[in-house]
Amino acid sequence: MHAFHGAIGDLKSLRVDNETVRIVFSAQVTPHGEIVRANDSSTPEVLVYDRLYVRHWDTWITPNKNALFSATLQSSSKGTYSVAHHAQNMLNSTDDIHDLESPVPPFGGAEDFDMSTTHLAFVAKDPHLNPATNTASHVYIVSFKDSTYLEKVNSGPGASSSPVWSPDGKYLAYLEMRVRGYEADRTPPSRQC
């Protein structure tokens, strides 16, 4: 058994081979990339802001962010699983992704990421644009084996969502709005031909 000292959620699992299962989950992290401890998760009584974007919908922006963690579970001869490696913060491994946040707050969840046996795809807002006036979010890919690997899949002006790997892990599908400014809109339903 393995215990986490903070709240985790959006758990997904994928069988890698007969003995190994990979899990990915979300958690709030400190600016240093560590899971926020359960008793430290409340909003501070006083926050000082030096730039715009102090509140998103009904949530105050704090120094803590959402992040995605990965770990592997190894089966034993008794048929039970145990954590083979400590959970790794997948958004804290290189300088290029320390400003990325996924699931996208405040409403993001398990639909904001997906995994293949080798890679994790996730949606995050563009960290180089002013979040108070832009809704652009993009799909990114990171590797479970190479912490320096980061690929930005798309660069359109609108919001991206729902990345999904094909069963063989060779292809990635996602939704992307063509124009910016429609964060609250629902993605149109797909049409069958």
C-alpha atoms as a PDB file:
ATOM      1  CA  MET A   1       0.000   0.000   0.000  1.00  0.00           C
ATOM      2  CA  HIS A   2       1.136   3.540  -0.772  1.00  0.00           C
ATOM      3  CA  ALA A   3      -0.208   6.720   0.826  1.00  0.00           C
ATOM      4  CA  PHE A   4      -0.244  10.232  -0.616  1.00  0.00           C
ATOM      5  CA  HIS A   5      -0.199  13.152   1.815  1.00  0.00           C
ATOM      6  CA  GLY A   6      -2.542  15.297  -0.295  1.00  0.00           C
ATOM      7  CA  ALA A   7      -5.686  14.960  -2.346  1.00  0.00           C
ATOM      8  CA  ILE A   8      -5.342  13.159  -5.680  1.00  0.00           C
ATOM      9  CA  GLY A   9      -7.965  12.655  -8.356  1.00  0.00           C
ATOM     10  CA  ASP A  10      -8.733  11.890 -12.004  1.00  0.00           C
ATOM     11  CA  LEU A  11      -7.028   8.496 -11.754  1.00  0.00           C
ATOM     12  CA  LYS A  12      -6.462   6.594 -15.009  1.00  0.00           C
ATOM     13  CA  SER A  13      -4.708   3.270 -15.488  1.00  0.00           C
ATOM     14  CA  LEU A  14      -3.280   1.362 -18.436  1.00  0.00           C
ATOM     15  CA  ARG A  15      -1.820  -2.134 -18.542  1.00  0.00           C
ATOM     16  CA  VAL A  16       1.724  -1.894 -19.954  1.00  0.00           C
ATOM     17  CA  ASP A  17       2.478  -5.627 -19.867  1.00  0.00           C
ATOM     18  CA  ASN A  18       1.440  -8.712 -17.888  1.00  0.00           C
ATOM     19  CA  GLU A  19       3.159  -7.534 -14.709  1.00  0.00           C
ATOM     20  CA  THR A  20       2.984  -3.731 -14.978  1.00  0.00           C
ATOM     21  CA  VAL A  21       0.174  -1.185 -14.817  1.00  0.00           C
ATOM     22  CA  ARG A  22       0.830   2.530 -15.276  1.00  0.00           C
ATOM     23  CA  ILE A  23      -1.328   5.021 -13.402  1.00  0.00           C
ATOM     24  CA  VAL A  24      -1.685   8.751 -13.981  1.00  0.00           C
ATOM     25  CA  PHE A  25      -3.523  11.080 -11.624  1.00  0.00           C
ATOM     26  CA  SER A  26      -3.874  14.777 -10.923  1.00  0.00           C
ATOM     27  CA  ALA A  27      -3.017  16.706  -7.786  1.00  0.00           C
ATOM     28  CA  GLN A  28      -2.474  20.275  -6.691  1.00  0.00           C
ATOM     29  CA  VAL A  29       1.205  21.124  -6.333  1.00  0.00           C
ATOM     30  CA  THR A  30       3.254  23.859  -4.706  1.00  0.00           C
ATOM     31  CA  PRO A  31       5.424  26.171  -6.838  1.00  0.00           C
ATOM     32  CA  HIS A  32       8.217  23.598  -6.234  1.00  0.00           C
ATOM     33  CA  GLY A  33       6.169  20.793  -7.826  1.00  0.00           C
ATOM     34  CA  GLU A  34       5.370  18.872  -4.636  1.00  0.00           C
ATOM     35  CA  ILE A  35       1.861  17.645  -3.845  1.00  0.00           C
ATOM     36  CA  VAL A  36       0.052  20.110  -1.591  1.00  0.00           C
ATOM     37  CA  ARG A  37      -0.383  18.506   1.789  1.00  0.00           C
ATOM     38  CA  ALA A  38      -3.988  17.919   2.837  1.00  0.00           C
ATOM     39  CA  ASN A  39      -3.941  20.523   5.617  1.00  0.00           C
ATOM     40  CA  ASP A  40      -2.353  23.186   3.338  1.00  0.00           C
ATOM     41  CA  SER A  41      -4.859  23.096   0.486  1.00  0.00           C
ATOM     42  CA  SER A  42      -7.066  26.032   1.491  1.00  0.00           C
ATOM     43  CA  THR A  43      -6.813  29.466  -0.091  1.00  0.00           C
ATOM     44  CA  PRO A  44      -4.690  31.881   1.985  1.00  0.00           C
ATOM     45  CA  GLU A  45      -6.547  34.681   3.760  1.00  0.00           C
ATOM     46  CA  VAL A  46      -4.425  37.314   1.993  1.00  0.00           C
ATOM     47  CA  LEU A  47      -3.165  37.170  -1.589  1.00  0.00           C
ATOM     48  CA  VAL A  48      -1.163  39.887  -3.347  1.00  0.00           C
ATOM     49  CA  TYR A  49      -1.428  40.076  -7.137  1.00  0.00           C
ATOM     50  CA  ASP A  50       0.956  42.003  -9.388  1.00  0.00           C
ATOM     51  CA  ARG A  51      -0.727  41.091 -12.684  1.00  0.00           C
ATOM     52  CA  LEU A  52      -4.138  40.288 -14.040  1.00  0.00           C
ATOM     53  CA  TYR A  53      -5.916  37.041 -13.714  1.00  0.00           C
ATOM     54  CA  VAL A  54      -6.691  36.984 -10.039  1.00  0.00           C
ATOM     55  CA  ARG A  55      -9.873  34.941 -10.298  1.00  0.00           C
ATOM     56  CA  HIS A  56     -11.144  32.414 -12.831  1.00  0.00           C
ATOM     57  CA  TRP A  57     -14.877  31.794 -12.727  1.00  0.00           C
ATOM     58  CA  ASP A  58     -15.379  31.240  -8.992  1.00  0.00           C
ATOM     59  CA  THR A  59     -11.826  30.221  -8.093  1.00  0.00           C
ATOM     60  CA  TRP A  60      -9.041  32.489  -6.821  1.00  0.00           C
ATOM     61  CA  ILE A  61      -5.687  32.064  -8.553  1.00  0.00           C
ATOM     62  CA  THR A  62      -3.084  30.942  -6.009  1.00  0.00           C
ATOM     63  CA  PRO A  63       0.587  29.962  -6.358  1.00  0.00           C
ATOM     64  CA  ASN A  64      -0.497  26.285  -6.325  1.00  0.00           C
ATOM     65  CA  LYS A  65      -1.231  24.601  -9.658  1.00  0.00           C
ATOM     66  CA  ASN A  66      -2.692  21.384 -11.007  1.00  0.00           C
ATOM     67  CA  ALA A  67      -0.183  18.785 -12.163  1.00  0.00           C
ATOM     68  CA  LEU A  68      -0.187  15.243 -13.509  1.00  0.00           C
ATOM     69  CA  PHE A  69       1.698  12.435 -11.792  1.00  0.00           C
ATOM     70  CA  SER A  70       2.687   9.026 -13.096  1.00  0.00           C
ATOM     71  CA  ALA A  71       3.645   5.836 -11.301  1.00  0.00           C
ATOM     72  CA  THR A  72       3.885   2.153 -12.162  1.00  0.00           C
ATOM     73  CA  LEU A  73       2.317  -0.705 -10.250  1.00  0.00           C
ATOM     74  CA  GLN A  74       4.069  -4.072 -10.291  1.00  0.00           C
ATOM     75  CA  SER A  75       2.231  -7.328  -9.704  1.00  0.00           C
ATOM     76  CA  SER A  76       3.445  -9.872  -7.195  1.00  0.00           C
ATOM     77  CA  SER A  77       3.173 -13.657  -7.216  1.00  0.00           C
ATOM     78  CA  LYS A  78       0.205 -13.268  -4.835  1.00  0.00           C
ATOM     79  CA  GLY A  79      -1.769 -11.329  -7.456  1.00  0.00           C
ATOM     80  CA  THR A  80      -1.497  -7.990  -5.678  1.00  0.00           C
ATOM     81  CA  TYR A  81       0.039  -4.779  -7.009  1.00  0.00           C
ATOM     82  CA  SER A  82       2.446  -2.400  -5.332  1.00  0.00           C
ATOM     83  CA  VAL A  83       3.958   0.914  -6.419  1.00  0.00           C
ATOM     84  CA  ALA A  84       7.190   0.073  -8.248  1.00  0.00           C
ATOM     85  CA  HIS A  85       8.446   3.663  -8.537  1.00  0.00           C
ATOM     86  CA  HIS A  86       7.452   6.796  -6.659  1.00  0.00           C
ATOM     87  CA  ALA A  87       4.966   9.029  -8.431  1.00  0.00           C
ATOM     88  CA  GLN A  88       6.707  11.453 -10.783  1.00  0.00           C
ATOM     89  CA  ASN A  89       5.368  14.943 -11.479  1.00  0.00           C
ATOM     90  CA  MET A  90       5.139  14.870 -15.282  1.00  0.00           C
ATOM     91  CA  LEU A  91       4.833  18.674 -15.509  1.00  0.00           C
ATOM     92  CA  ASN A  92       7.896  19.434 -13.405  1.00  0.00           C
ATOM     93  CA  SER A  93      10.643  17.643 -15.286  1.00  0.00           C
ATOM     94  CA  THR A  94      12.025  20.317 -17.643  1.00  0.00           C
ATOM     95  CA  ASP A  95      12.316  24.095 -17.660  1.00  0.00           C
ATOM     96  CA  ASP A  96       9.956  24.306 -20.648  1.00  0.00           C
ATOM     97  CA  ILE A  97       6.940  22.886 -18.855  1.00  0.00           C
ATOM     98  CA  HIS A  98       7.132  24.330 -15.362  1.00  0.00           C
ATOM     99  CA  ASP A  99       4.494  26.927 -16.310  1.00  0.00           C
ATOM    100  CA  LEU A 100       2.060  24.392 -17.768  1.00  0.00           C
ATOM    101  CA  GLU A 101      -0.965  23.350 -15.737  1.00  0.00           C
ATOM    102  CA  SER A 102      -3.203  20.365 -16.340  1.00  0.00           C
ATOM    103  CA  PRO A 103      -6.029  19.582 -15.798  1.00  0.00           C
ATOM    104  CA  VAL A 104      -7.001  23.110 -16.865  1.00  0.00           C
ATOM    105  CA  PRO A 105      -8.626  24.840 -13.896  1.00  0.00           C
ATOM    106  CA  PRO A 106     -11.181  25.326 -12.627  1.00  0.00           C
ATOM    107  CA  PHE A 107     -13.289  22.705 -14.426  1.00  0.00           C
ATOM    108  CA  GLY A 108     -10.681  20.387 -15.979  1.00  0.00           C
ATOM    109  CA  GLY A 109     -10.513  16.731 -15.119  1.00  0.00           C
ATOM    110  CA  ALA A 110      -9.644  13.317 -16.502  1.00  0.00           C
ATOM    111  CA  GLU A 111     -10.754  14.392 -19.995  1.00  0.00           C
ATOM    112  CA  ASP A 112      -7.762  16.770 -20.142  1.00  0.00           C
ATOM    113  CA  PHE A 113      -5.195  13.957 -20.475  1.00  0.00           C
ATOM    114  CA  ASP A 114      -4.658  10.470 -21.839  1.00  0.00           C
ATOM    115  CA  MET A 115      -1.769   8.003 -21.881  1.00  0.00           C
ATOM    116  CA  SER A 116      -0.251   5.418 -24.139  1.00  0.00           C
ATOM    117  CA  THR A 117       2.265   2.857 -22.886  1.00  0.00           C
ATOM    118  CA  THR A 118       5.121   5.308 -23.565  1.00  0.00           C
ATOM    119  CA  HIS A 119       3.715   8.861 -23.552  1.00  0.00           C
ATOM    120  CA  LEU A 120       1.295  11.175 -21.797  1.00  0.00           C
ATOM    121  CA  ALA A 121      -0.774  13.694 -23.781  1.00  0.00           C
ATOM    122  CA  PHE A 122      -2.425  16.576 -21.953  1.00  0.00           C
ATOM    123  CA  VAL A 123      -4.120  19.914 -22.512  1.00  0.00           C
ATOM    124  CA  ALA A 124      -2.738  23.093 -20.950  1.00  0.00           C
ATOM    125  CA  LYS A 125      -3.310  26.804 -21.452  1.00  0.00           C
ATOM    126  CA  ASP A 126      -0.633  28.624 -23.432  1.00  0.00           C
ATOM    127  CA  PRO A 127       1.683  30.008 -20.699  1.00  0.00           C
ATOM    128  CA  HIS A 128       3.000  32.760 -23.000  1.00  0.00           C
ATOM    129  CA  LEU A 129      -0.387  34.457 -23.487  1.00  0.00           C
ATOM    130  CA  ASN A 130      -2.275  36.649 -21.023  1.00  0.00           C
ATOM    131  CA  PRO A 131      -4.827  34.264 -19.461  1.00  0.00           C
ATOM    132  CA  ALA A 132      -7.190  37.168 -18.715  1.00  0.00           C
ATOM    133  CA  THR A 133      -7.687  37.879 -22.428  1.00  0.00           C
ATOM    134  CA  ASN A 134      -6.880  34.580 -24.186  1.00  0.00           C
ATOM    135  CA  THR A 135      -8.457  31.145 -24.150  1.00  0.00           C
ATOM    136  CA  ALA A 136      -5.827  29.321 -26.206  1.00  0.00           C
ATOM    137  CA  SER A 137      -4.879  25.924 -24.877  1.00  0.00           C
ATOM    138  CA  HIS A 138      -2.758  23.337 -26.627  1.00  0.00           C
ATOM    139  CA  VAL A 139      -2.061  19.628 -26.561  1.00  0.00           C
ATOM    140  CA  TYR A 140       1.381  18.605 -25.287  1.00  0.00           C
ATOM    141  CA  ILE A 141       3.115  15.232 -25.158  1.00  0.00           C
ATOM    142  CA  VAL A 142       5.697  14.138 -22.580  1.00  0.00           C
ATOM    143  CA  SER A 143       7.536  10.823 -22.319  1.00  0.00           C
ATOM    144  CA  PHE A 144       7.414   8.463 -19.366  1.00  0.00           C
ATOM    145  CA  LYS A 145      11.042   7.443 -20.033  1.00  0.00           C
ATOM    146  CA  ASP A 146      12.683  10.749 -21.045  1.00  0.00           C
ATOM    147  CA  SER A 147      11.988  13.644 -18.671  1.00  0.00           C
ATOM    148  CA  THR A 148      13.430  16.152 -21.169  1.00  0.00           C
ATOM    149  CA  TYR A 149      11.000  15.241 -23.953  1.00  0.00           C
ATOM    150  CA  LEU A 150       8.219  17.766 -24.567  1.00  0.00           C
ATOM    151  CA  GLU A 151       6.282  18.160 -27.792  1.00  0.00           C
ATOM    152  CA  LYS A 152       3.658  20.826 -28.455  1.00  0.00           C
ATOM    153  CA  VAL A 153       1.217  19.155 -30.848  1.00  0.00           C
ATOM    154  CA  ASN A 154      -0.846  22.134 -32.021  1.00  0.00           C
ATOM    155  CA  SER A 155      -0.687  25.916 -31.942  1.00  0.00           C
ATOM    156  CA  GLY A 156      -4.125  27.195 -32.973  1.00  0.00           C
ATOM    157  CA  PRO A 157      -5.695  30.276 -31.361  1.00  0.00           C
ATOM    158  CA  GLY A 158      -8.633  28.426 -29.763  1.00  0.00           C
ATOM    159  CA  ALA A 159      -9.100  26.081 -26.848  1.00  0.00           C
ATOM    160  CA  SER A 160      -8.102  22.425 -27.241  1.00  0.00           C
ATOM    161  CA  SER A 161      -9.637  19.533 -25.351  1.00  0.00           C
ATOM    162  CA  SER A 162     -10.100  15.785 -24.985  1.00  0.00           C
ATOM    163  CA  PRO A 163      -6.825  14.221 -26.179  1.00  0.00           C
ATOM    164  CA  VAL A 164      -7.183  10.465 -26.782  1.00  0.00           C
ATOM    165  CA  TRP A 165      -4.516   7.978 -27.896  1.00  0.00           C
ATOM    166  CA  SER A 166      -5.377   5.248 -30.383  1.00  0.00           C
ATOM    167  CA  PRO A 167      -5.271   1.734 -28.855  1.00  0.00           C
ATOM    168  CA  ASP A 168      -1.842   1.071 -30.415  1.00  0.00           C
ATOM    169  CA  GLY A 169      -0.444   4.413 -29.160  1.00  0.00           C
ATOM    170  CA  LYS A 170       0.589   5.577 -32.645  1.00  0.00           C
ATOM    171  CA  TYR A 171      -2.045   8.269 -33.153  1.00  0.00           C
ATOM    172  CA  LEU A 172      -3.499  11.031 -31.027  1.00  0.00           C
ATOM    173  CA  ALA A 173      -6.906  12.645 -31.577  1.00  0.00           C
ATOM    174  CA  TYR A 174      -8.104  15.851 -29.904  1.00  0.00           C
ATOM    175  CA  LEU A 175     -10.646  18.639 -30.326  1.00  0.00           C
ATOM    176  CA  GLU A 176      -9.653  22.229 -31.096  1.00  0.00           C
ATOM    177  CA  MET A 177     -11.756  25.353 -31.514  1.00  0.00           C
ATOM    178  CA  ARG A 178     -10.877  27.426 -34.589  1.00  0.00           C
ATOM    179  CA  VAL A 179     -11.114  30.836 -32.908  1.00  0.00           C
ATOM    180  CA  ARG A 180     -10.112  32.198 -29.528  1.00  0.00           C
ATOM    181  CA  GLY A 181     -12.468  33.592 -26.939  1.00  0.00           C
ATOM    182  CA  TYR A 182     -14.904  30.723 -26.493  1.00  0.00           C
ATOM    183  CA  GLU A 183     -13.710  29.046 -23.332  1.00  0.00           C
ATOM    184  CA  ALA A 184     -17.252  28.651 -21.998  1.00  0.00           C
ATOM    185  CA  ASP A 185     -18.601  27.161 -25.227  1.00  0.00           C
ATOM    186  CA  ARG A 186     -19.171  23.469 -25.553  1.00  0.00           C
ATOM    187  CA  THR A 187     -17.351  21.719 -28.336  1.00  0.00           C
ATOM    188  CA  PRO A 188     -19.875  20.964 -31.093  1.00  0.00           C
ATOM    189  CA  PRO A 189     -21.003  17.329 -31.273  1.00  0.00           C
ATOM    190  CA  SER A 190     -19.451  15.227 -33.992  1.00  0.00           C
ATOM    191  CA  ARG A 191     -21.486  14.473 -37.086  1.00  0.00           C
ATOM    192  CA  GLN A 192     -21.737  11.088 -38.671  1.00  0.00           C
ATOM    193  CA  CYS A 193     -21.427  10.921 -42.442  1.00  0.00           C
END
